[in-house]
Protein backbone atom coordinates (compact mmCIF):
# COMPACT_ATOMS: atom_id res chain seq x y z
CA MET A 1 0.00 0.00 0.00
CA ARG A 2 1.39 3.40 -1.04
CA LYS A 3 2.04 5.84 1.80
CA PHE A 4 1.50 9.57 1.38
CA THR A 5 3.28 12.20 3.44
CA VAL A 6 1.75 15.62 4.06
CA THR A 7 4.17 18.48 4.66
CA LYS A 8 3.97 22.25 4.80
CA ALA A 9 4.64 24.63 1.92
CA PRO A 10 6.68 25.81 0.09
CA PHE A 11 6.93 22.87 -2.31
CA LEU A 12 10.02 23.22 -4.48
CA ASN A 13 11.88 21.31 -7.14
CA HIS A 14 14.77 19.25 -5.80
CA TRP A 15 17.37 21.50 -7.46
CA ASN A 16 16.20 24.61 -5.57
CA SER A 17 15.58 23.73 -1.93
CA THR A 18 14.38 26.14 0.73
CA HIS A 19 17.90 26.18 2.16
CA LYS A 20 19.35 27.24 -1.20
CA MET A 21 16.72 29.95 -1.59
CA LYS A 22 17.59 31.36 1.83
CA SER A 23 21.29 31.33 0.97
CA HIS A 24 20.67 33.15 -2.31
CA PHE A 25 18.44 35.70 -0.59
CA LEU A 26 21.10 36.37 2.04
CA LEU A 27 23.76 36.82 -0.63
CA SER A 28 21.52 39.26 -2.50
CA LEU A 29 21.32 41.40 0.65
CA CYS A 30 25.10 41.56 1.15
CA PRO A 31 25.70 44.58 -1.16
CA LEU A 32 22.95 46.54 0.61
CA ILE A 33 24.34 45.56 4.01
CA PHE A 34 27.77 46.83 3.02
CA TYR A 35 26.20 49.99 1.64
CA TYR A 36 24.42 50.53 4.97
CA LEU A 37 27.65 50.01 6.92
CA TYR A 38 29.59 52.26 4.55
CA GLN A 39 27.04 55.08 4.61
CA ASN A 40 26.72 55.11 8.37
CA GLY A 41 30.16 54.10 9.54
CA ILE A 42 33.03 53.80 7.09
CA ALA A 43 32.39 56.96 5.04
CA PRO A 44 31.98 59.28 8.07
CA TYR A 45 35.09 57.71 9.66
CA LEU A 46 37.16 58.26 6.52
CA ALA A 47 35.91 61.83 6.46
CA LYS A 48 37.10 62.09 10.09
CA THR A 49 33.69 63.17 11.36
CA ILE A 50 33.25 60.24 13.76
CA SER A 51 35.53 58.10 15.93
CA PHE A 52 36.49 54.47 15.30
CA SER A 53 34.05 53.24 17.97
CA LYS A 54 31.19 55.15 16.34
CA MET A 55 32.17 53.66 13.00
CA LEU A 56 31.39 50.22 14.47
CA PHE A 57 28.00 51.33 15.82
CA PRO A 58 26.01 50.43 12.64
CA PHE A 59 27.52 46.93 12.77
CA PHE A 60 26.48 46.54 16.41
CA LEU A 61 22.96 47.72 15.53
CA LEU A 62 22.79 45.05 12.83
CA ILE A 63 23.86 42.36 15.29
CA ILE A 64 21.36 43.62 17.89
CA SER A 65 18.57 43.54 15.31
CA ILE A 66 19.29 39.97 14.21
CA PHE A 67 19.84 38.77 17.80
CA SER A 68 16.60 40.40 18.97
CA CYS A 69 14.62 38.64 16.24
CA TYR A 70 16.01 35.25 17.29
CA VAL A 71 15.35 35.97 20.96
CA GLY A 72 11.82 37.10 20.14
CA GLU A 73 11.04 33.93 18.22
CA GLY A 74 12.70 31.78 20.87
CA LEU A 75 10.62 33.32 23.64
CA PHE A 76 7.45 32.98 21.58
CA ARG A 77 8.08 29.30 20.90
CA TYR A 78 9.02 28.66 24.52
CA VAL A 79 5.90 30.34 25.92
CA ILE A 80 3.31 29.36 23.30
CA TYR A 81 4.61 26.06 21.91
CA HIS A 82 6.54 25.01 25.06
CA GLN A 83 9.62 24.25 23.01
CA LYS A 84 12.91 24.15 24.88
CA GLY A 85 16.34 22.61 24.89
CA TYR A 86 17.41 20.69 21.81
CA GLU A 87 14.04 21.04 20.06
CA LEU A 88 14.08 24.83 20.36
CA LYS A 89 17.71 24.99 19.25
CA GLN A 90 17.03 22.95 16.11
CA THR A 91 13.95 25.04 15.30
CA LEU A 92 15.86 28.32 15.58
CA LYS A 93 18.61 26.90 13.36
CA LYS A 94 16.05 26.56 10.58
CA SER A 95 14.44 29.93 11.30
CA ASP A 96 14.63 32.83 8.87
CA CYS A 97 14.80 35.45 11.64
CA ILE A 98 18.08 36.69 10.22
CA PHE A 99 16.19 38.17 7.26
CA SER A 100 13.74 40.04 9.46
CA GLY A 101 16.63 41.49 11.42
CA ILE A 102 18.58 42.55 8.34
CA LEU A 103 15.63 43.98 6.43
CA LEU A 104 14.42 45.91 9.46
CA ILE A 105 17.80 47.54 10.09
CA LEU A 106 18.07 48.46 6.40
CA ILE A 107 14.85 50.49 6.41
CA LEU A 108 15.44 52.28 9.71
CA PRO A 109 17.57 55.40 10.23
CA ILE A 110 20.77 55.05 12.22
CA GLN A 111 19.29 57.37 14.87
CA THR A 112 16.59 54.86 15.84
CA PRO A 113 16.77 54.26 19.62
CA ILE A 114 17.97 50.76 20.47
CA PHE A 115 14.98 50.02 22.71
CA LEU A 116 12.59 50.83 19.82
CA LEU A 117 14.62 48.62 17.48
CA VAL A 118 14.43 45.69 19.91
CA ILE A 119 10.66 46.10 20.41
CA ALA A 120 10.17 46.37 16.64
CA CYS A 121 12.11 43.12 16.16
CA PHE A 122 9.95 41.36 18.75
CA THR A 123 6.81 42.72 17.09
CA ALA A 124 7.98 41.58 13.65
CA VAL A 125 8.73 37.99 14.65
CA ILE A 126 5.57 37.64 16.72
CA ILE A 127 3.47 38.77 13.76
CA LYS A 128 5.39 36.36 11.56
CA MET A 129 4.69 33.48 13.94
CA ILE A 130 1.00 34.34 14.32
CA THR A 131 0.29 34.86 10.62
CA GLY A 132 2.74 32.32 9.25
CA GLY A 133 4.51 35.10 7.35
CA ARG A 134 1.41 35.99 5.35
CA ILE A 135 1.73 39.59 6.52
CA ASN A 136 5.14 41.14 5.88
CA PRO A 137 6.77 41.08 9.35
CA THR A 138 9.49 43.62 8.55
CA TYR A 139 7.03 46.33 7.57
CA VAL A 140 4.92 45.52 10.63
CA GLY A 141 7.95 46.12 12.83
CA PHE A 142 8.68 49.37 11.03
CA LEU A 143 5.03 50.42 11.31
CA PHE A 144 5.18 49.81 15.05
CA ILE A 145 8.05 52.30 15.38
CA VAL A 146 6.22 54.92 13.33
CA VAL A 147 2.97 54.56 15.30
CA PHE A 148 4.62 54.21 18.71
CA TYR A 149 6.87 57.17 18.17
CA SER A 150 4.20 59.47 16.76
CA LEU A 151 1.76 58.66 19.58
CA THR A 152 4.13 58.81 22.54
CA MET A 153 6.85 61.32 21.72
CA LYS A 154 6.80 64.92 20.56
CA SER A 155 10.51 65.48 20.18
CA THR A 156 13.81 63.71 20.69
CA GLU A 157 17.43 64.32 19.96
CA GLY A 158 17.90 61.07 18.10
CA LEU A 159 14.81 60.62 15.95
CA ASP A 160 12.59 63.15 14.22
CA LEU A 161 8.83 62.98 14.75
CA ASP A 162 8.28 62.61 11.00
CA ILE A 163 10.27 59.40 10.81
CA GLN A 164 9.54 58.82 7.14
CA ASN A 165 11.12 62.15 6.22
CA LYS A 166 14.12 61.20 8.32
CA ILE A 167 14.48 57.96 6.44
CA PHE A 168 13.99 59.42 2.98
CA PRO A 169 14.70 63.16 2.84
CA VAL A 170 12.69 63.54 -0.37
CA PHE A 171 9.50 61.94 1.00
CA SER A 172 7.85 65.31 1.45
CA SER A 173 8.53 66.06 -2.23
CA LEU A 174 6.96 62.87 -3.59
CA LYS A 175 3.43 64.26 -3.37
CA SER A 176 4.45 67.60 -4.84
CA LEU A 177 3.89 68.75 -8.41
CA GLY A 178 6.79 71.17 -8.29
CA ASN A 179 9.37 71.53 -11.02
CA TYR A 180 12.79 70.00 -11.63
CA GLU A 181 14.55 72.81 -9.75
CA THR A 182 12.54 72.27 -6.56
CA LEU A 183 12.24 68.47 -6.60
CA ILE A 184 15.56 67.21 -7.92
CA ALA A 185 18.12 70.01 -8.20
CA PRO A 186 18.61 70.31 -4.39
CA TYR A 187 19.94 66.71 -4.43
CA GLY A 188 22.01 67.03 -7.61
CA ASN A 189 20.33 65.12 -10.43
CA LEU A 190 18.50 61.86 -11.06
CA LEU A 191 21.75 59.92 -10.82
CA SER A 192 21.98 60.97 -7.18
CA PHE A 193 18.82 58.96 -6.54
CA PHE A 194 20.01 56.05 -8.68
CA TRP A 195 23.30 55.75 -6.79
CA GLY A 196 21.74 56.62 -3.43
CA ILE A 197 23.97 59.65 -2.89
CA LEU A 198 21.56 61.34 -0.49
CA SER A 199 21.57 62.42 3.14
CA SER A 200 19.55 59.32 4.02
CA LYS A 201 21.24 56.92 6.40
CA VAL A 202 19.41 53.71 5.54
CA GLY A 203 20.43 50.90 3.24
CA THR A 204 17.57 51.07 0.76
CA THR A 205 18.29 54.21 -1.25
CA CYS A 206 20.82 52.80 -3.73
CA VAL A 207 18.65 51.73 -6.67
CA PHE A 208 21.68 50.35 -8.51
CA LEU A 209 22.35 47.78 -5.78
CA CYS A 210 18.65 46.91 -5.61
CA ILE A 211 18.68 46.16 -9.34
CA LEU A 212 21.78 43.98 -8.98
CA SER A 213 20.09 42.05 -6.18
CA PHE A 214 16.94 41.72 -8.29
CA LEU A 215 18.86 40.22 -11.22
CA TYR A 216 20.60 37.77 -8.90
CA LEU A 217 17.32 36.70 -7.28
CA ILE A 218 15.74 36.20 -10.70
CA LEU A 219 18.64 34.14 -12.02
CA THR A 220 18.59 31.95 -8.92
CA HIS A 221 14.78 31.52 -9.13
CA VAL A 222 14.18 32.91 -5.64
CA ILE A 223 11.56 35.47 -6.68
CA LYS A 224 9.40 35.99 -9.76
CA TRP A 225 10.05 38.95 -12.05
CA LYS A 226 6.38 39.85 -12.56
CA ILE A 227 5.74 41.56 -9.23
CA PRO A 228 8.68 44.04 -9.24
CA ILE A 229 8.32 44.83 -12.95
CA PHE A 230 4.55 45.39 -12.94
CA TYR A 231 4.66 47.21 -9.60
CA ILE A 232 7.37 49.68 -10.62
CA GLY A 233 5.90 49.92 -14.12
CA THR A 234 2.47 50.85 -12.77
CA VAL A 235 3.88 53.62 -10.56
CA PHE A 236 5.90 54.89 -13.52
CA PHE A 237 2.93 54.89 -15.91
CA VAL A 238 0.48 56.54 -13.50
CA THR A 239 2.92 59.25 -12.39
CA PHE A 240 3.88 59.80 -16.02
CA LEU A 241 0.25 60.67 -16.82
CA ILE A 242 0.05 62.86 -13.71
CA GLY A 243 3.21 64.67 -14.74
CA LYS A 244 2.02 64.97 -18.33
CA SER A 245 -1.01 66.90 -17.16
CA GLN A 246 1.43 69.47 -15.74
CA HIS A 247 3.63 69.38 -18.86
CA PHE A 248 6.47 67.68 -16.99
CA GLY A 249 9.08 65.68 -18.83
CA ILE A 250 10.06 62.04 -18.41
CA TRP A 251 12.13 63.05 -15.38
CA TYR A 252 9.02 63.22 -13.17
CA PRO A 253 7.98 59.52 -13.27
CA ILE A 254 11.66 58.52 -13.08
CA PHE A 255 11.99 60.64 -9.95
CA GLN A 256 8.91 58.95 -8.47
CA ILE A 257 10.25 55.40 -8.92
CA LEU A 258 13.83 56.14 -7.90
CA CYS A 259 12.95 57.42 -4.44
CA GLY A 260 10.63 56.45 -1.62
CA GLY A 261 11.97 52.91 -1.36
CA ILE A 262 9.97 51.54 -4.31
CA PHE A 263 12.75 49.37 -5.74
CA PHE A 264 13.65 47.94 -2.34
CA GLY A 265 10.00 47.37 -1.45
CA ALA A 266 9.18 45.80 -4.82
CA ILE A 267 12.13 43.41 -4.76
CA PHE A 268 12.52 42.41 -1.12
CA MET A 269 9.09 43.03 0.42
CA ALA A 270 6.34 42.76 -2.17
CA SER A 271 7.97 39.73 -3.84
CA ASP A 272 8.28 37.67 -0.67
CA PRO A 273 7.29 34.12 -1.75
CA ILE A 274 5.23 33.55 1.41
CA SER A 275 3.21 36.78 1.49
CA SER A 276 2.68 37.22 -2.28
CA PRO A 277 0.45 35.38 -4.80
CA VAL A 278 1.64 32.14 -6.36
CA THR A 279 -0.36 32.28 -9.61
CA SER A 280 0.99 34.30 -12.54
CA ILE A 281 -2.23 36.25 -13.10
CA GLY A 282 -2.55 36.80 -9.36
CA GLN A 283 0.98 38.23 -9.24
CA ILE A 284 0.23 40.67 -12.04
CA LEU A 285 -3.02 41.89 -10.48
CA TYR A 286 -1.30 42.10 -7.10
CA ALA A 287 1.58 44.16 -8.54
CA ILE A 288 -0.71 46.55 -10.45
CA SER A 289 -2.81 47.02 -7.32
CA LEU A 290 0.35 47.73 -5.33
CA GLY A 291 1.34 50.42 -7.82
CA LEU A 292 -2.06 52.11 -7.71
CA ALA A 293 -2.15 51.92 -3.90
CA THR A 294 1.33 53.45 -3.67
CA VAL A 295 0.31 56.41 -5.83
CA PHE A 296 -2.88 56.77 -3.79
CA PHE A 297 -1.01 56.87 -0.47
CA ARG A 298 1.59 59.27 -1.84
CA TYR A 299 -0.77 61.89 -3.19
CA LEU A 300 -3.95 61.50 -1.17
CA THR A 301 -2.83 60.60 2.37
CA PRO A 302 -0.37 62.02 4.91
CA TYR A 303 1.94 59.05 4.30
CA SER A 304 4.25 60.21 1.52
CA GLY A 305 6.22 57.03 0.83
CA GLY A 306 3.32 54.76 0.09
CA VAL A 307 5.20 51.47 -0.19
CA LEU A 308 4.75 50.24 3.38
CA PRO A 309 0.96 50.64 3.70
CA SER A 310 0.47 49.38 0.15
CA VAL A 311 2.33 46.12 0.77
CA LEU A 312 0.61 45.51 4.10
CA LEU A 313 -2.82 46.23 2.60
CA MET A 314 -2.29 43.97 -0.41
CA ASN A 315 -0.98 41.15 1.79
CA PHE A 316 -4.53 40.77 3.08
CA LEU A 317 -5.84 40.48 -0.50
CA VAL A 318 -3.38 37.81 -1.67
CA PRO A 319 -5.95 34.95 -1.42
CA PHE A 320 -8.34 37.04 -3.53
CA PHE A 321 -5.71 37.59 -6.25
CA ASP A 322 -4.77 33.90 -6.27
CA ARG A 323 -8.44 32.93 -6.53
CA ILE A 324 -8.75 35.07 -9.65
CA GLY A 325 -5.48 33.66 -10.98
CA SER A 326 -6.69 30.09 -10.50
CA SER A 327 -10.08 30.81 -12.09
CA SER A 328 -8.50 32.47 -15.11
CA LYS A 329 -6.78 29.21 -16.03
CA ILE A 330 -10.22 27.70 -16.57
CA ALA A 331 -11.98 30.75 -18.02
CA ILE A 332 -9.61 33.46 -19.26
CA LYS A 333 -12.48 35.94 -19.53
CA LYS A 334 -12.68 36.06 -15.72
CA ILE A 335 -9.58 38.25 -15.65
CA GLY A 336 -11.34 40.91 -17.72
CA ILE A 337 -13.44 42.38 -14.91
CA PRO A 338 -10.50 42.82 -12.47
CA LEU A 339 -8.37 44.47 -15.18
CA ILE A 340 -11.17 46.82 -16.22
CA THR A 341 -11.78 47.66 -12.56
CA LEU A 342 -8.09 48.48 -11.97
CA PHE A 343 -7.93 50.53 -15.17
CA THR A 344 -11.02 52.50 -14.17
CA MET A 345 -9.62 53.13 -10.70
CA ALA A 346 -6.36 54.36 -12.23
CA ILE A 347 -8.13 56.83 -14.54
CA MET A 348 -10.34 58.13 -11.73
CA MET A 349 -7.37 58.56 -9.39
CA ILE A 350 -5.28 60.34 -12.03
CA SER A 351 -8.16 62.67 -12.85
CA TYR A 352 -8.76 63.48 -9.19
CA ILE A 353 -5.07 64.07 -8.39
CA THR A 354 -4.55 66.35 -11.37
CA ALA A 355 -7.71 68.26 -10.43
CA ILE A 356 -6.75 68.94 -6.81
CA TYR A 357 -3.12 69.72 -7.54
């Protein structure tokens, strides 16, 4: 009699195991980690603006972030699942907490208080354990810092109240319909955004490194290309039409996709295999919806970046997108209504934004 074994997802081909995918993902983050350490430690030290001990501070923050994520998951498993000893040790060995720790430190400014970083790490791993990773834990941890800080503190020496403007100095400009001189010239030119040569002190602003990581992840079959391409493409297309209404050149949509963390969010957050759709059609609808939501949050809400709330919102709709993707394999016409709906929403949003600005 044949015996069947039931295991948990993901189900992968033998040549690309979960362990290999994790290794590839970690390697793809290495350039951004070095960029983060260079921006916050090595460069200021070479410029003789900080001491040697302060140069090592970003590295210590990275270690604290990773360690806190492991401790948070260990405590959760000990209290909730009653795991301990050898069983807990083996479970943590297979954990992907290292990614939550790295991604969280990359999107936070160097001035983030250590106690907030530790609490954010605990929050991220707890959400990951409760939801099974279906809701992006890194962005949840980041959201905790934003909400906690804005509700409990009015001023501090280390962290500005408007934390998103601290992280990306051009956030306040993303919802503006100014001109090239007011939006880009203060930072140099568009290449400044591409290379990440800004006053930001996080590891997500170098678009060049994000693209290199994206190519590596595609070649190693860790993520699918559809989500980043359609997500970034949607933001580009919609902002191009918005800029066209103001007689702006091609620089305006390029400016919109080069800043605000879109490349980093599209590649490392929105494309997470656990929290994103698995069907091809579902991925495309998910990515287009992400793009429209990002533009909506940028122009029509106080949150200027738009990537974080968009990803978290669409995480809840992943089953819906996959349901459409599965149905479309049987009846291709079923994809027509969602596409028409998204197109109509895009036109209405563009018309409204151009009218109020």
